[in-house]
């Protein structure tokens, strides 16, 4: 399982089904079907939903744009800025996006974890299914 920080405008596009690929400069081995918990970064600062990882494509940046341009929810200018100076990029297929009914703000996460200085990852981090964040998500978003 992953906790992934994503800029709010892209996070909401993922959850609305408008962004079919999450782009990354680096991508360690992530298995098909991995659950990704979305932390919408600055301004929102909350866990807002999740998706499952489909296929991950690695290719030279000059080829990546043509592969994802209509499904990445990003402009060419944003793409070029993000991948500036990078030779290879990754496109992570987004499957089964799910918006949480109750976003969980950073301050609530800190209170629930009893860790006032807890910070989300800059990019992403692996978390175990027994991580306290999972029970917090369950508590605030019972189905």
C-alpha atoms as a PDB file:
ATOM      1  CA  UNK A   1       0.000   0.000   0.000  1.00  0.00           C
ATOM      2  CA  UNK A   2       1.178   3.546  -0.705  1.00  0.00           C
ATOM      3  CA  UNK A   3       0.500   6.982   0.707  1.00  0.00           C
ATOM      4  CA  UNK A   4       1.014   9.412  -2.163  1.00  0.00           C
ATOM      5  CA  UNK A   5       1.107  13.197  -2.076  1.00  0.00           C
ATOM      6  CA  UNK A   6      -0.513  14.738  -5.142  1.00  0.00           C
ATOM      7  CA  UNK A   7      -1.228  18.378  -5.949  1.00  0.00           C
ATOM      8  CA  UNK A   8      -4.935  19.014  -5.343  1.00  0.00           C
ATOM      9  CA  UNK A   9      -5.832  19.900  -8.939  1.00  0.00           C
ATOM     10  CA  UNK A  10      -4.444  16.566 -10.140  1.00  0.00           C
ATOM     11  CA  UNK A  11      -5.802  14.590  -7.176  1.00  0.00           C
ATOM     12  CA  UNK A  12      -9.349  15.752  -7.899  1.00  0.00           C
ATOM     13  CA  UNK A  13      -8.925  14.949 -11.605  1.00  0.00           C
ATOM     14  CA  UNK A  14      -7.916  11.415 -10.626  1.00  0.00           C
ATOM     15  CA  UNK A  15     -10.958  11.032  -8.391  1.00  0.00           C
ATOM     16  CA  UNK A  16     -13.311  12.393 -11.085  1.00  0.00           C
ATOM     17  CA  UNK A  17     -11.865   9.925 -13.604  1.00  0.00           C
ATOM     18  CA  UNK A  18     -10.371  12.694 -15.773  1.00  0.00           C
ATOM     19  CA  UNK A  19      -6.759  11.718 -15.113  1.00  0.00           C
ATOM     20  CA  UNK A  20      -6.031   8.133 -16.138  1.00  0.00           C
ATOM     21  CA  UNK A  21      -2.281   8.289 -15.514  1.00  0.00           C
ATOM     22  CA  UNK A  22      -0.331   9.643 -12.576  1.00  0.00           C
ATOM     23  CA  UNK A  23       3.077  10.824 -13.774  1.00  0.00           C
ATOM     24  CA  UNK A  24       6.231  10.370 -11.756  1.00  0.00           C
ATOM     25  CA  UNK A  25       9.949  11.080 -12.212  1.00  0.00           C
ATOM     26  CA  UNK A  26      10.824   7.976 -10.227  1.00  0.00           C
ATOM     27  CA  UNK A  27       8.864   4.875  -9.451  1.00  0.00           C
ATOM     28  CA  UNK A  28      10.178   1.976  -7.426  1.00  0.00           C
ATOM     29  CA  UNK A  29       8.657  -1.428  -7.930  1.00  0.00           C
ATOM     30  CA  UNK A  30       4.937  -1.064  -7.371  1.00  0.00           C
ATOM     31  CA  UNK A  31       2.750  -4.062  -8.026  1.00  0.00           C
ATOM     32  CA  UNK A  32      -0.386  -4.087 -10.140  1.00  0.00           C
ATOM     33  CA  UNK A  33      -3.406  -3.597  -7.886  1.00  0.00           C
ATOM     34  CA  UNK A  34      -1.522  -1.756  -5.144  1.00  0.00           C
ATOM     35  CA  UNK A  35      -3.823   0.517  -3.142  1.00  0.00           C
ATOM     36  CA  UNK A  36      -2.771   4.175  -3.230  1.00  0.00           C
ATOM     37  CA  UNK A  37      -4.115   6.543  -0.592  1.00  0.00           C
ATOM     38  CA  UNK A  38      -4.221  10.096  -1.932  1.00  0.00           C
ATOM     39  CA  UNK A  39      -2.995  12.958   0.230  1.00  0.00           C
ATOM     40  CA  UNK A  40      -3.910  16.229  -1.509  1.00  0.00           C
ATOM     41  CA  UNK A  41      -1.008  18.539  -0.749  1.00  0.00           C
ATOM     42  CA  UNK A  42      -0.851  22.249   0.022  1.00  0.00           C
ATOM     43  CA  UNK A  43      -3.972  24.321   0.320  1.00  0.00           C
ATOM     44  CA  UNK A  44      -6.102  21.162   0.840  1.00  0.00           C
ATOM     45  CA  UNK A  45      -3.720  19.215   3.133  1.00  0.00           C
ATOM     46  CA  UNK A  46      -5.968  16.180   3.574  1.00  0.00           C
ATOM     47  CA  UNK A  47      -6.377  12.520   2.685  1.00  0.00           C
ATOM     48  CA  UNK A  48      -9.217  12.630   0.146  1.00  0.00           C
ATOM     49  CA  UNK A  49      -9.463   9.270  -1.610  1.00  0.00           C
ATOM     50  CA  UNK A  50      -7.655   6.380  -3.189  1.00  0.00           C
ATOM     51  CA  UNK A  51      -7.094   4.381  -6.349  1.00  0.00           C
ATOM     52  CA  UNK A  52      -5.509   1.129  -7.435  1.00  0.00           C
ATOM     53  CA  UNK A  53      -2.378   0.952  -9.559  1.00  0.00           C
ATOM     54  CA  UNK A  54      -2.714  -0.548 -13.022  1.00  0.00           C
ATOM     55  CA  UNK A  55       0.216  -0.942 -15.386  1.00  0.00           C
ATOM     56  CA  UNK A  56       3.257   1.265 -14.977  1.00  0.00           C
ATOM     57  CA  UNK A  57       4.967   2.467 -18.122  1.00  0.00           C
ATOM     58  CA  UNK A  58       8.573   3.675 -18.202  1.00  0.00           C
ATOM     59  CA  UNK A  59       9.813   5.453 -21.281  1.00  0.00           C
ATOM     60  CA  UNK A  60      11.957   8.347 -22.483  1.00  0.00           C
ATOM     61  CA  UNK A  61      10.261  11.628 -21.601  1.00  0.00           C
ATOM     62  CA  UNK A  62      10.092  12.634 -25.281  1.00  0.00           C
ATOM     63  CA  UNK A  63       7.880   9.568 -25.949  1.00  0.00           C
ATOM     64  CA  UNK A  64       5.903   9.756 -22.719  1.00  0.00           C
ATOM     65  CA  UNK A  65       3.942  12.880 -23.664  1.00  0.00           C
ATOM     66  CA  UNK A  66       2.551  11.289 -26.846  1.00  0.00           C
ATOM     67  CA  UNK A  67       1.566   8.220 -24.837  1.00  0.00           C
ATOM     68  CA  UNK A  68      -0.345  10.066 -22.081  1.00  0.00           C
ATOM     69  CA  UNK A  69      -1.247  13.511 -23.443  1.00  0.00           C
ATOM     70  CA  UNK A  70      -5.003  12.923 -23.672  1.00  0.00           C
ATOM     71  CA  UNK A  71      -5.250  10.994 -20.402  1.00  0.00           C
ATOM     72  CA  UNK A  72      -2.824  12.603 -17.954  1.00  0.00           C
ATOM     73  CA  UNK A  73      -4.876  15.641 -16.959  1.00  0.00           C
ATOM     74  CA  UNK A  74      -1.873  17.893 -17.515  1.00  0.00           C
ATOM     75  CA  UNK A  75      -0.874  20.493 -20.115  1.00  0.00           C
ATOM     76  CA  UNK A  76       2.224  20.145 -22.273  1.00  0.00           C
ATOM     77  CA  UNK A  77       3.719  23.154 -20.486  1.00  0.00           C
ATOM     78  CA  UNK A  78       3.148  21.530 -17.065  1.00  0.00           C
ATOM     79  CA  UNK A  79       4.533  18.240 -18.383  1.00  0.00           C
ATOM     80  CA  UNK A  80       7.693  19.878 -19.744  1.00  0.00           C
ATOM     81  CA  UNK A  81       8.227  21.815 -16.530  1.00  0.00           C
ATOM     82  CA  UNK A  82       7.799  18.715 -14.344  1.00  0.00           C
ATOM     83  CA  UNK A  83      10.105  16.502 -16.414  1.00  0.00           C
ATOM     84  CA  UNK A  84      12.750  19.165 -17.175  1.00  0.00           C
ATOM     85  CA  UNK A  85      16.194  17.576 -17.095  1.00  0.00           C
ATOM     86  CA  UNK A  86      14.821  14.057 -16.693  1.00  0.00           C
ATOM     87  CA  UNK A  87      15.595  11.369 -19.275  1.00  0.00           C
ATOM     88  CA  UNK A  88      12.938   8.778 -18.340  1.00  0.00           C
ATOM     89  CA  UNK A  89       9.478   9.197 -16.896  1.00  0.00           C
ATOM     90  CA  UNK A  90       6.790   6.927 -15.518  1.00  0.00           C
ATOM     91  CA  UNK A  91       3.059   6.792 -16.185  1.00  0.00           C
ATOM     92  CA  UNK A  92       1.104   4.939 -13.512  1.00  0.00           C
ATOM     93  CA  UNK A  93      -2.287   3.742 -14.720  1.00  0.00           C
ATOM     94  CA  UNK A  94      -5.099   4.796 -12.358  1.00  0.00           C
ATOM     95  CA  UNK A  95      -7.776   2.179 -11.687  1.00  0.00           C
ATOM     96  CA  UNK A  96     -10.918   2.334  -9.544  1.00  0.00           C
ATOM     97  CA  UNK A  97     -10.609   5.868  -8.151  1.00  0.00           C
ATOM     98  CA  UNK A  98     -12.660   6.367  -5.010  1.00  0.00           C
ATOM     99  CA  UNK A  99     -13.414   9.655  -3.259  1.00  0.00           C
ATOM    100  CA  UNK A 100     -13.760   9.502   0.497  1.00  0.00           C
ATOM    101  CA  UNK A 101     -16.995  10.930   1.903  1.00  0.00           C
ATOM    102  CA  UNK A 102     -15.052  12.629   4.682  1.00  0.00           C
ATOM    103  CA  UNK A 103     -11.640  14.062   3.794  1.00  0.00           C
ATOM    104  CA  UNK A 104      -9.201  13.753   6.686  1.00  0.00           C
ATOM    105  CA  UNK A 105      -7.293  17.014   7.270  1.00  0.00           C
ATOM    106  CA  UNK A 106      -3.634  17.023   8.253  1.00  0.00           C
ATOM    107  CA  UNK A 107      -4.430  18.347  11.742  1.00  0.00           C
ATOM    108  CA  UNK A 108      -6.905  15.505  12.324  1.00  0.00           C
ATOM    109  CA  UNK A 109      -4.321  12.956  11.177  1.00  0.00           C
ATOM    110  CA  UNK A 110      -1.777  14.443  13.590  1.00  0.00           C
ATOM    111  CA  UNK A 111      -4.272  14.361  16.456  1.00  0.00           C
ATOM    112  CA  UNK A 112      -5.364  10.786  15.716  1.00  0.00           C
ATOM    113  CA  UNK A 113      -1.761   9.581  15.441  1.00  0.00           C
ATOM    114  CA  UNK A 114      -0.797  11.627  18.497  1.00  0.00           C
ATOM    115  CA  UNK A 115       2.133  12.931  16.452  1.00  0.00           C
ATOM    116  CA  UNK A 116       1.928  16.749  16.228  1.00  0.00           C
ATOM    117  CA  UNK A 117       4.813  16.926  13.740  1.00  0.00           C
ATOM    118  CA  UNK A 118       3.672  14.106  11.423  1.00  0.00           C
ATOM    119  CA  UNK A 119       4.207  14.999   7.784  1.00  0.00           C
ATOM    120  CA  UNK A 120       2.994  13.289   4.618  1.00  0.00           C
ATOM    121  CA  UNK A 121       5.645  12.109   2.144  1.00  0.00           C
ATOM    122  CA  UNK A 122       6.972  14.553  -0.442  1.00  0.00           C
ATOM    123  CA  UNK A 123       6.250  12.011  -3.173  1.00  0.00           C
ATOM    124  CA  UNK A 124       5.057   8.685  -1.794  1.00  0.00           C
ATOM    125  CA  UNK A 125       5.889   6.109   0.831  1.00  0.00           C
ATOM    126  CA  UNK A 126       4.974   2.514   1.502  1.00  0.00           C
ATOM    127  CA  UNK A 127       2.682   1.804   4.430  1.00  0.00           C
ATOM    128  CA  UNK A 128       1.691  -1.499   5.940  1.00  0.00           C
ATOM    129  CA  UNK A 129      -1.990  -2.485   6.075  1.00  0.00           C
ATOM    130  CA  UNK A 130      -1.645  -2.358   9.880  1.00  0.00           C
ATOM    131  CA  UNK A 131      -0.449   1.272   9.809  1.00  0.00           C
ATOM    132  CA  UNK A 132      -2.568   3.506  12.075  1.00  0.00           C
ATOM    133  CA  UNK A 133      -3.558   5.629   9.046  1.00  0.00           C
ATOM    134  CA  UNK A 134      -5.671   2.738   7.776  1.00  0.00           C
ATOM    135  CA  UNK A 135      -7.778   2.657  10.927  1.00  0.00           C
ATOM    136  CA  UNK A 136      -8.116   6.460  10.791  1.00  0.00           C
ATOM    137  CA  UNK A 137      -9.387   6.255   7.207  1.00  0.00           C
ATOM    138  CA  UNK A 138     -11.811   3.507   8.236  1.00  0.00           C
ATOM    139  CA  UNK A 139     -13.000   5.522  11.242  1.00  0.00           C
ATOM    140  CA  UNK A 140     -13.788   8.629   9.176  1.00  0.00           C
ATOM    141  CA  UNK A 141     -15.079   6.817   6.083  1.00  0.00           C
ATOM    142  CA  UNK A 142     -17.082   3.798   7.114  1.00  0.00           C
ATOM    143  CA  UNK A 143     -18.894   2.392   4.125  1.00  0.00           C
END
